[in-house]
Amino acid sequence: MRNVWIVRHGERIDKVDPRWALAPPRGAWDDPPLTSRGLKQAHEVGHRLARESPIDYIFVSPFIRCLQTATNIVAELANKKDLKLFIEPGFIESLSCTQFPPGCLSAEQLKEFFPLVDTTYRPFLTKFDPEENDLECDKRIQATLEAVFERYPIPKNILIVSHGSPIAAMHTVLNRKYKYVGICTISHYIMQESGSESPSNRENKRQIEKSNLHTKYAIKCMLAGDSSHLSDRNNLRDNY
């Protein structure tokens, strides 16, 4: 059995102070950092996950807000000395709402600011293609999830730190139900090896290309955008 934890990044500065985007570092208006509230939210996620089975691998979008979120989560985990951050461009924000190419830093550049980054990790997505809508993001997320689960097999536990639209796509792929979640909320799936699709995974309310995940694994959604660990649940942006 494997636990898959999915966390959306914390509160970002440009959603609180729109002036930030007028002169962003490197001209990257799509790469804002977290607010102080966002940093606190990430620590609260870490406190919550510290009560669960240890995480083995952490996959992170290359945007700074996700690196900050992941770093603060790890700070609260008992096995933090054993953990590294894998920068996976496949989990980046929907490219329909970013610069193109996106304004993120490379893993080597991020390592200078986030020592937990593992620059030996080989990402599954190595080249960005334009995305005109969220359906194209869905296809990217599906391919990335399949690749991650293949390279890092059960029973290893996984944490993914990403964005609103990609996480909605993860719910579509894993649970066959579209779910847009709030900032620093937690989603949780349990996966087991399976020769056939489980009944709970047969609903399909949003059409995407057929995935082989549901023939290889029995997948059960335990949490979808849970916010019970957060001390302040106001304005979690769970609808945009």
C-alpha atoms as a PDB file:
ATOM      1  CA  MET A   1       0.000   0.000   0.000  1.00  0.00           C
ATOM      2  CA  ARG A   2       1.119   3.547  -0.738  1.00  0.00           C
ATOM      3  CA  ASN A   3       0.036   6.939   0.605  1.00  0.00           C
ATOM      4  CA  VAL A   4      -0.071   9.798  -1.878  1.00  0.00           C
ATOM      5  CA  TRP A   5      -0.353  13.226  -0.269  1.00  0.00           C
ATOM      6  CA  ILE A   6      -1.151  16.252  -2.440  1.00  0.00           C
ATOM      7  CA  VAL A   7      -0.776  19.820  -1.135  1.00  0.00           C
ATOM      8  CA  ARG A   8      -1.468  23.118  -2.838  1.00  0.00           C
ATOM      9  CA  HIS A   9       1.054  25.889  -2.070  1.00  0.00           C
ATOM     10  CA  GLY A  10       0.289  28.531   0.569  1.00  0.00           C
ATOM     11  CA  GLU A  11      -0.948  32.089   0.184  1.00  0.00           C
ATOM     12  CA  ARG A  12       1.038  34.026  -2.451  1.00  0.00           C
ATOM     13  CA  ILE A  13       2.065  37.654  -2.156  1.00  0.00           C
ATOM     14  CA  ASP A  14       0.503  38.913  -5.399  1.00  0.00           C
ATOM     15  CA  LYS A  15      -2.974  37.834  -4.284  1.00  0.00           C
ATOM     16  CA  VAL A  16      -2.614  40.048  -1.201  1.00  0.00           C
ATOM     17  CA  ASP A  17      -0.580  42.920  -2.674  1.00  0.00           C
ATOM     18  CA  PRO A  18      -1.173  43.277  -6.446  1.00  0.00           C
ATOM     19  CA  ARG A  19       1.609  45.881  -6.589  1.00  0.00           C
ATOM     20  CA  TRP A  20       4.154  43.056  -6.317  1.00  0.00           C
ATOM     21  CA  ALA A  21       3.493  42.084  -9.934  1.00  0.00           C
ATOM     22  CA  LEU A  22       4.417  45.576 -11.170  1.00  0.00           C
ATOM     23  CA  ALA A  23       8.135  44.929 -10.618  1.00  0.00           C
ATOM     24  CA  PRO A  24       8.665  41.197  -9.993  1.00  0.00           C
ATOM     25  CA  PRO A  25      12.201  39.780  -9.624  1.00  0.00           C
ATOM     26  CA  ARG A  26      13.597  38.611 -12.981  1.00  0.00           C
ATOM     27  CA  GLY A  27      10.414  39.943 -14.576  1.00  0.00           C
ATOM     28  CA  ALA A  28       8.746  36.672 -13.577  1.00  0.00           C
ATOM     29  CA  TRP A  29       5.243  37.782 -12.629  1.00  0.00           C
ATOM     30  CA  ASP A  30       4.162  34.128 -12.497  1.00  0.00           C
ATOM     31  CA  ASP A  31       6.665  33.224  -9.740  1.00  0.00           C
ATOM     32  CA  PRO A  32       5.576  35.103  -6.590  1.00  0.00           C
ATOM     33  CA  PRO A  33       6.742  34.017  -3.117  1.00  0.00           C
ATOM     34  CA  LEU A  34       4.508  33.235  -0.163  1.00  0.00           C
ATOM     35  CA  THR A  35       3.193  35.742   2.344  1.00  0.00           C
ATOM     36  CA  SER A  36       3.945  35.304   6.045  1.00  0.00           C
ATOM     37  CA  ARG A  37       0.532  33.687   6.305  1.00  0.00           C
ATOM     38  CA  GLY A  38       1.429  31.289   3.510  1.00  0.00           C
ATOM     39  CA  LEU A  39       4.639  30.282   5.280  1.00  0.00           C
ATOM     40  CA  LYS A  40       2.665  29.603   8.463  1.00  0.00           C
ATOM     41  CA  GLN A  41       0.103  27.569   6.537  1.00  0.00           C
ATOM     42  CA  ALA A  42       2.883  25.353   5.208  1.00  0.00           C
ATOM     43  CA  HIS A  43       4.188  24.695   8.718  1.00  0.00           C
ATOM     44  CA  GLU A  44       0.658  23.714   9.743  1.00  0.00           C
ATOM     45  CA  VAL A  45       0.530  21.211   6.896  1.00  0.00           C
ATOM     46  CA  GLY A  46       3.813  19.779   8.185  1.00  0.00           C
ATOM     47  CA  HIS A  47       2.399  19.422  11.698  1.00  0.00           C
ATOM     48  CA  ARG A  48      -0.537  17.488  10.239  1.00  0.00           C
ATOM     49  CA  LEU A  49       1.551  15.189   8.045  1.00  0.00           C
ATOM     50  CA  ALA A  50       3.960  14.496  10.915  1.00  0.00           C
ATOM     51  CA  ARG A  51       1.206  12.339  12.440  1.00  0.00           C
ATOM     52  CA  GLU A  52       1.115  10.050   9.405  1.00  0.00           C
ATOM     53  CA  SER A  53       3.354   7.332   7.976  1.00  0.00           C
ATOM     54  CA  PRO A  54       6.742   8.767   6.950  1.00  0.00           C
ATOM     55  CA  ILE A  55       6.997  10.321   3.508  1.00  0.00           C
ATOM     56  CA  ASP A  56       9.659   8.844   1.237  1.00  0.00           C
ATOM     57  CA  TYR A  57       9.675  11.132  -1.811  1.00  0.00           C
ATOM     58  CA  ILE A  58       8.632  14.749  -2.341  1.00  0.00           C
ATOM     59  CA  PHE A  59       7.870  16.109  -5.817  1.00  0.00           C
ATOM     60  CA  VAL A  60       7.606  19.874  -6.168  1.00  0.00           C
ATOM     61  CA  SER A  61       6.609  22.318  -8.887  1.00  0.00           C
ATOM     62  CA  PRO A  62       9.579  24.565  -9.788  1.00  0.00           C
ATOM     63  CA  PHE A  63       7.779  27.755  -8.757  1.00  0.00           C
ATOM     64  CA  ILE A  64       9.164  29.417  -5.606  1.00  0.00           C
ATOM     65  CA  ARG A  65       5.844  29.345  -3.739  1.00  0.00           C
ATOM     66  CA  CYS A  66       5.827  25.555  -3.950  1.00  0.00           C
ATOM     67  CA  LEU A  67       9.466  25.269  -2.839  1.00  0.00           C
ATOM     68  CA  GLN A  68       8.737  27.454   0.182  1.00  0.00           C
ATOM     69  CA  THR A  69       5.673  25.368   1.010  1.00  0.00           C
ATOM     70  CA  ALA A  70       7.553  22.072   0.709  1.00  0.00           C
ATOM     71  CA  THR A  71      10.510  23.343   2.754  1.00  0.00           C
ATOM     72  CA  ASN A  72       8.287  24.374   5.659  1.00  0.00           C
ATOM     73  CA  ILE A  73       6.405  21.082   5.532  1.00  0.00           C
ATOM     74  CA  VAL A  74       9.640  19.112   5.747  1.00  0.00           C
ATOM     75  CA  ALA A  75      10.787  21.207   8.721  1.00  0.00           C
ATOM     76  CA  GLU A  76       7.984  19.652  10.796  1.00  0.00           C
ATOM     77  CA  LEU A  77       8.572  16.007   9.824  1.00  0.00           C
ATOM     78  CA  ALA A  78      10.414  13.541  12.048  1.00  0.00           C
ATOM     79  CA  ASN A  79      12.435  12.133   9.128  1.00  0.00           C
ATOM     80  CA  LYS A  80      13.371  15.547   7.700  1.00  0.00           C
ATOM     81  CA  LYS A  81      17.074  14.666   7.611  1.00  0.00           C
ATOM     82  CA  ASP A  82      16.297  11.889   5.116  1.00  0.00           C
ATOM     83  CA  LEU A  83      14.211  13.955   2.701  1.00  0.00           C
ATOM     84  CA  LYS A  84      15.086  15.792  -0.491  1.00  0.00           C
ATOM     85  CA  LEU A  85      12.962  17.859  -2.859  1.00  0.00           C
ATOM     86  CA  PHE A  86      12.585  16.585  -6.423  1.00  0.00           C
ATOM     87  CA  ILE A  87      11.877  19.468  -8.806  1.00  0.00           C
ATOM     88  CA  GLU A  88       9.306  18.102 -11.254  1.00  0.00           C
ATOM     89  CA  PRO A  89       8.274  20.504 -14.041  1.00  0.00           C
ATOM     90  CA  GLY A  90       5.435  18.099 -14.843  1.00  0.00           C
ATOM     91  CA  PHE A  91       3.649  19.420 -11.749  1.00  0.00           C
ATOM     92  CA  ILE A  92       4.007  23.110 -12.659  1.00  0.00           C
ATOM     93  CA  GLU A  93       0.996  25.450 -12.809  1.00  0.00           C
ATOM     94  CA  SER A  94      -1.282  25.266 -15.849  1.00  0.00           C
ATOM     95  CA  LEU A  95       0.719  26.966 -18.589  1.00  0.00           C
ATOM     96  CA  SER A  96      -2.421  28.704 -19.809  1.00  0.00           C
ATOM     97  CA  CYS A  97      -2.050  31.150 -16.899  1.00  0.00           C
ATOM     98  CA  THR A  98       1.741  31.626 -16.749  1.00  0.00           C
ATOM     99  CA  GLN A  99       4.331  33.375 -18.840  1.00  0.00           C
ATOM    100  CA  PHE A 100       5.627  31.275 -21.694  1.00  0.00           C
ATOM    101  CA  PRO A 101       8.080  29.898 -21.192  1.00  0.00           C
ATOM    102  CA  PRO A 102       7.257  29.975 -17.473  1.00  0.00           C
ATOM    103  CA  GLY A 103       9.387  32.236 -15.292  1.00  0.00           C
ATOM    104  CA  CYS A 104      10.627  29.515 -12.943  1.00  0.00           C
ATOM    105  CA  LEU A 105      14.264  28.888 -12.052  1.00  0.00           C
ATOM    106  CA  SER A 106      16.164  25.701 -12.865  1.00  0.00           C
ATOM    107  CA  ALA A 107      16.806  23.064 -10.204  1.00  0.00           C
ATOM    108  CA  GLU A 108      20.429  24.190 -10.007  1.00  0.00           C
ATOM    109  CA  GLN A 109      19.391  27.799  -9.439  1.00  0.00           C
ATOM    110  CA  LEU A 110      16.756  26.794  -6.876  1.00  0.00           C
ATOM    111  CA  LYS A 111      19.361  24.779  -4.979  1.00  0.00           C
ATOM    112  CA  GLU A 112      21.077  28.058  -4.036  1.00  0.00           C
ATOM    113  CA  PHE A 113      17.985  29.162  -2.112  1.00  0.00           C
ATOM    114  CA  PHE A 114      16.551  25.784  -1.109  1.00  0.00           C
ATOM    115  CA  PRO A 115      19.300  23.385   0.052  1.00  0.00           C
ATOM    116  CA  LEU A 116      16.918  20.410   0.119  1.00  0.00           C
ATOM    117  CA  VAL A 117      16.668  20.407  -3.685  1.00  0.00           C
ATOM    118  CA  ASP A 118      18.174  17.240  -5.171  1.00  0.00           C
ATOM    119  CA  THR A 119      19.884  18.252  -8.408  1.00  0.00           C
ATOM    120  CA  THR A 120      20.546  14.598  -9.316  1.00  0.00           C
ATOM    121  CA  TYR A 121      16.824  13.972  -9.783  1.00  0.00           C
ATOM    122  CA  ARG A 122      15.872  13.382 -13.418  1.00  0.00           C
ATOM    123  CA  PRO A 123      12.533  15.106 -14.132  1.00  0.00           C
ATOM    124  CA  PHE A 124       9.931  13.461 -16.330  1.00  0.00           C
ATOM    125  CA  LEU A 125       9.013  16.679 -18.118  1.00  0.00           C
ATOM    126  CA  THR A 126      12.059  18.270 -19.708  1.00  0.00           C
ATOM    127  CA  LYS A 127      10.459  20.614 -22.247  1.00  0.00           C
ATOM    128  CA  PHE A 128       7.456  22.903 -21.830  1.00  0.00           C
ATOM    129  CA  ASP A 129       4.775  22.908 -24.510  1.00  0.00           C
ATOM    130  CA  PRO A 130       2.151  25.672 -24.671  1.00  0.00           C
ATOM    131  CA  GLU A 131      -1.173  24.893 -22.991  1.00  0.00           C
ATOM    132  CA  GLU A 132      -4.274  26.752 -24.117  1.00  0.00           C
ATOM    133  CA  ASN A 133      -6.628  25.342 -21.473  1.00  0.00           C
ATOM    134  CA  ASP A 134      -6.868  23.158 -18.383  1.00  0.00           C
ATOM    135  CA  LEU A 135      -7.629  20.021 -20.414  1.00  0.00           C
ATOM    136  CA  GLU A 136      -4.097  20.170 -21.814  1.00  0.00           C
ATOM    137  CA  CYS A 137      -2.853  20.550 -18.233  1.00  0.00           C
ATOM    138  CA  ASP A 138      -4.866  17.407 -17.348  1.00  0.00           C
ATOM    139  CA  LYS A 139      -3.006  15.399 -19.982  1.00  0.00           C
ATOM    140  CA  ARG A 140       0.379  16.580 -18.685  1.00  0.00           C
ATOM    141  CA  ILE A 141      -0.545  15.719 -15.109  1.00  0.00           C
ATOM    142  CA  GLN A 142      -1.786  12.279 -16.118  1.00  0.00           C
ATOM    143  CA  ALA A 143       1.465  11.490 -17.923  1.00  0.00           C
ATOM    144  CA  THR A 144       3.567  12.777 -15.022  1.00  0.00           C
ATOM    145  CA  LEU A 145       1.656  10.790 -12.391  1.00  0.00           C
ATOM    146  CA  GLU A 146       1.968   7.602 -14.430  1.00  0.00           C
ATOM    147  CA  ALA A 147       5.716   8.156 -14.801  1.00  0.00           C
ATOM    148  CA  VAL A 148       6.231   8.921 -11.096  1.00  0.00           C
ATOM    149  CA  PHE A 149       4.306   5.851  -9.936  1.00  0.00           C
ATOM    150  CA  GLU A 150       6.226   3.671 -12.389  1.00  0.00           C
ATOM    151  CA  ARG A 151       9.683   4.862 -11.305  1.00  0.00           C
ATOM    152  CA  TYR A 152       8.858   4.993  -7.581  1.00  0.00           C
ATOM    153  CA  PRO A 153       6.735   1.890  -6.940  1.00  0.00           C
ATOM    154  CA  ILE A 154       4.519   0.885  -4.036  1.00  0.00           C
ATOM    155  CA  PRO A 155       4.960   0.925  -1.018  1.00  0.00           C
ATOM    156  CA  LYS A 156       6.910   4.214  -1.099  1.00  0.00           C
ATOM    157  CA  ASN A 157       4.870   7.162   0.223  1.00  0.00           C
ATOM    158  CA  ILE A 158       4.771  10.306  -1.892  1.00  0.00           C
ATOM    159  CA  LEU A 159       4.076  14.003  -1.311  1.00  0.00           C
ATOM    160  CA  ILE A 160       3.302  16.292  -4.252  1.00  0.00           C
ATOM    161  CA  VAL A 161       3.317  20.081  -3.809  1.00  0.00           C
ATOM    162  CA  SER A 162       1.661  21.838  -6.716  1.00  0.00           C
ATOM    163  CA  HIS A 163      -1.019  24.345  -7.785  1.00  0.00           C
ATOM    164  CA  GLY A 164      -4.786  24.683  -8.052  1.00  0.00           C
ATOM    165  CA  SER A 165      -5.379  23.567 -11.643  1.00  0.00           C
ATOM    166  CA  PRO A 166      -2.801  20.736 -11.628  1.00  0.00           C
ATOM    167  CA  ILE A 167      -4.211  19.397  -8.353  1.00  0.00           C
ATOM    168  CA  ALA A 168      -7.728  19.536  -9.812  1.00  0.00           C
ATOM    169  CA  ALA A 169      -6.305  17.477 -12.679  1.00  0.00           C
ATOM    170  CA  MET A 170      -4.809  14.997 -10.192  1.00  0.00           C
ATOM    171  CA  HIS A 171      -8.253  14.473  -8.683  1.00  0.00           C
ATOM    172  CA  THR A 172      -9.675  13.964 -12.166  1.00  0.00           C
ATOM    173  CA  VAL A 173      -7.017  11.363 -12.960  1.00  0.00           C
ATOM    174  CA  LEU A 174      -6.957   9.557  -9.609  1.00  0.00           C
ATOM    175  CA  ASN A 175     -10.595   9.822  -8.522  1.00  0.00           C
ATOM    176  CA  ARG A 176     -12.411  10.532 -11.806  1.00  0.00           C
ATOM    177  CA  LYS A 177     -13.934  13.592 -10.138  1.00  0.00           C
ATOM    178  CA  TYR A 178     -12.912  17.196 -10.727  1.00  0.00           C
ATOM    179  CA  LYS A 179     -12.044  18.928  -7.438  1.00  0.00           C
ATOM    180  CA  TYR A 180     -10.543  22.407  -7.130  1.00  0.00           C
ATOM    181  CA  VAL A 181      -8.898  22.755  -3.716  1.00  0.00           C
ATOM    182  CA  GLY A 182      -7.872  25.670  -1.496  1.00  0.00           C
ATOM    183  CA  ILE A 183      -4.380  26.873  -0.620  1.00  0.00           C
ATOM    184  CA  CYS A 184      -2.394  24.629   1.723  1.00  0.00           C
ATOM    185  CA  THR A 185      -5.180  22.065   1.828  1.00  0.00           C
ATOM    186  CA  ILE A 186      -4.389  18.370   1.953  1.00  0.00           C
ATOM    187  CA  SER A 187      -5.604  15.625  -0.357  1.00  0.00           C
ATOM    188  CA  HIS A 188      -4.817  11.995   0.386  1.00  0.00           C
ATOM    189  CA  TYR A 189      -5.024   8.855  -1.718  1.00  0.00           C
ATOM    190  CA  ILE A 190      -4.275   5.239  -0.864  1.00  0.00           C
ATOM    191  CA  MET A 191      -2.987   3.053  -3.687  1.00  0.00           C
ATOM    192  CA  GLN A 192      -2.648  -0.716  -3.867  1.00  0.00           C
ATOM    193  CA  GLU A 193      -1.595  -3.045  -6.638  1.00  0.00           C
ATOM    194  CA  SER A 194      -4.669  -4.281  -8.473  1.00  0.00           C
ATOM    195  CA  GLY A 195      -5.501  -6.306 -11.546  1.00  0.00           C
ATOM    196  CA  SER A 196      -8.770  -4.502 -12.202  1.00  0.00           C
ATOM    197  CA  GLU A 197     -10.434  -1.170 -11.630  1.00  0.00           C
ATOM    198  CA  SER A 198     -12.193  -0.806  -8.297  1.00  0.00           C
ATOM    199  CA  PRO A 199     -15.897   0.152  -8.351  1.00  0.00           C
ATOM    200  CA  SER A 200     -15.229   3.468  -6.581  1.00  0.00           C
ATOM    201  CA  ASN A 201     -13.044   4.544  -9.512  1.00  0.00           C
ATOM    202  CA  ARG A 202     -15.568   3.970 -12.313  1.00  0.00           C
ATOM    203  CA  GLU A 203     -17.291   7.326 -12.188  1.00  0.00           C
ATOM    204  CA  ASN A 204     -16.073   9.722 -14.848  1.00  0.00           C
ATOM    205  CA  LYS A 205     -17.503  13.237 -14.725  1.00  0.00           C
ATOM    206  CA  ARG A 206     -14.752  14.882 -16.775  1.00  0.00           C
ATOM    207  CA  GLN A 207     -13.417  13.372 -19.975  1.00  0.00           C
ATOM    208  CA  ILE A 208      -9.678  12.815 -20.295  1.00  0.00           C
ATOM    209  CA  GLU A 209      -7.662  10.257 -22.190  1.00  0.00           C
ATOM    210  CA  LYS A 210      -7.969   6.795 -20.684  1.00  0.00           C
ATOM    211  CA  SER A 211      -5.342   6.177 -18.021  1.00  0.00           C
ATOM    212  CA  ASN A 212      -3.889   2.786 -17.173  1.00  0.00           C
ATOM    213  CA  LEU A 213      -3.589   3.778 -13.498  1.00  0.00           C
ATOM    214  CA  HIS A 214      -6.983   2.302 -12.651  1.00  0.00           C
ATOM    215  CA  THR A 215      -6.112  -1.054 -14.178  1.00  0.00           C
ATOM    216  CA  LYS A 216      -2.768  -1.259 -12.369  1.00  0.00           C
ATOM    217  CA  TYR A 217      -3.904   0.104  -8.992  1.00  0.00           C
ATOM    218  CA  ALA A 218      -6.872   0.205  -6.662  1.00  0.00           C
ATOM    219  CA  ILE A 219      -7.068   3.888  -5.740  1.00  0.00           C
ATOM    220  CA  LYS A 220      -9.130   5.286  -2.881  1.00  0.00           C
ATOM    221  CA  CYS A 221      -9.571   8.967  -2.050  1.00  0.00           C
ATOM    222  CA  MET A 222      -9.328   9.575   1.698  1.00  0.00           C
ATOM    223  CA  LEU A 223      -9.191  13.392   1.702  1.00  0.00           C
ATOM    224  CA  ALA A 224      -9.933  15.963  -0.996  1.00  0.00           C
ATOM    225  CA  GLY A 225      -8.882  19.504  -0.158  1.00  0.00           C
ATOM    226  CA  ASP A 226      -9.059  19.103   3.626  1.00  0.00           C
ATOM    227  CA  SER A 227      -8.388  22.310   5.587  1.00  0.00           C
ATOM    228  CA  SER A 228      -9.002  21.107   9.155  1.00  0.00           C
ATOM    229  CA  HIS A 229      -5.306  21.533  10.052  1.00  0.00           C
ATOM    230  CA  LEU A 230      -5.280  25.272   9.277  1.00  0.00           C
ATOM    231  CA  SER A 231      -5.719  27.789  12.096  1.00  0.00           C
ATOM    232  CA  ASP A 232      -7.180  30.369   9.682  1.00  0.00           C
ATOM    233  CA  ARG A 233      -9.522  29.012   7.014  1.00  0.00           C
ATOM    234  CA  ASN A 234     -10.608  32.340   5.592  1.00  0.00           C
ATOM    235  CA  ASN A 235     -10.079  33.068   1.897  1.00  0.00           C
ATOM    236  CA  LEU A 236      -8.426  29.783   0.917  1.00  0.00           C
ATOM    237  CA  ARG A 237      -9.124  30.499  -2.771  1.00  0.00           C
ATOM    238  CA  ASP A 238     -10.859  27.174  -3.289  1.00  0.00           C
ATOM    239  CA  ASN A 239     -12.705  28.415  -6.366  1.00  0.00           C
ATOM    240  CA  TYR A 240      -9.863  30.104  -8.295  1.00  0.00           C
END
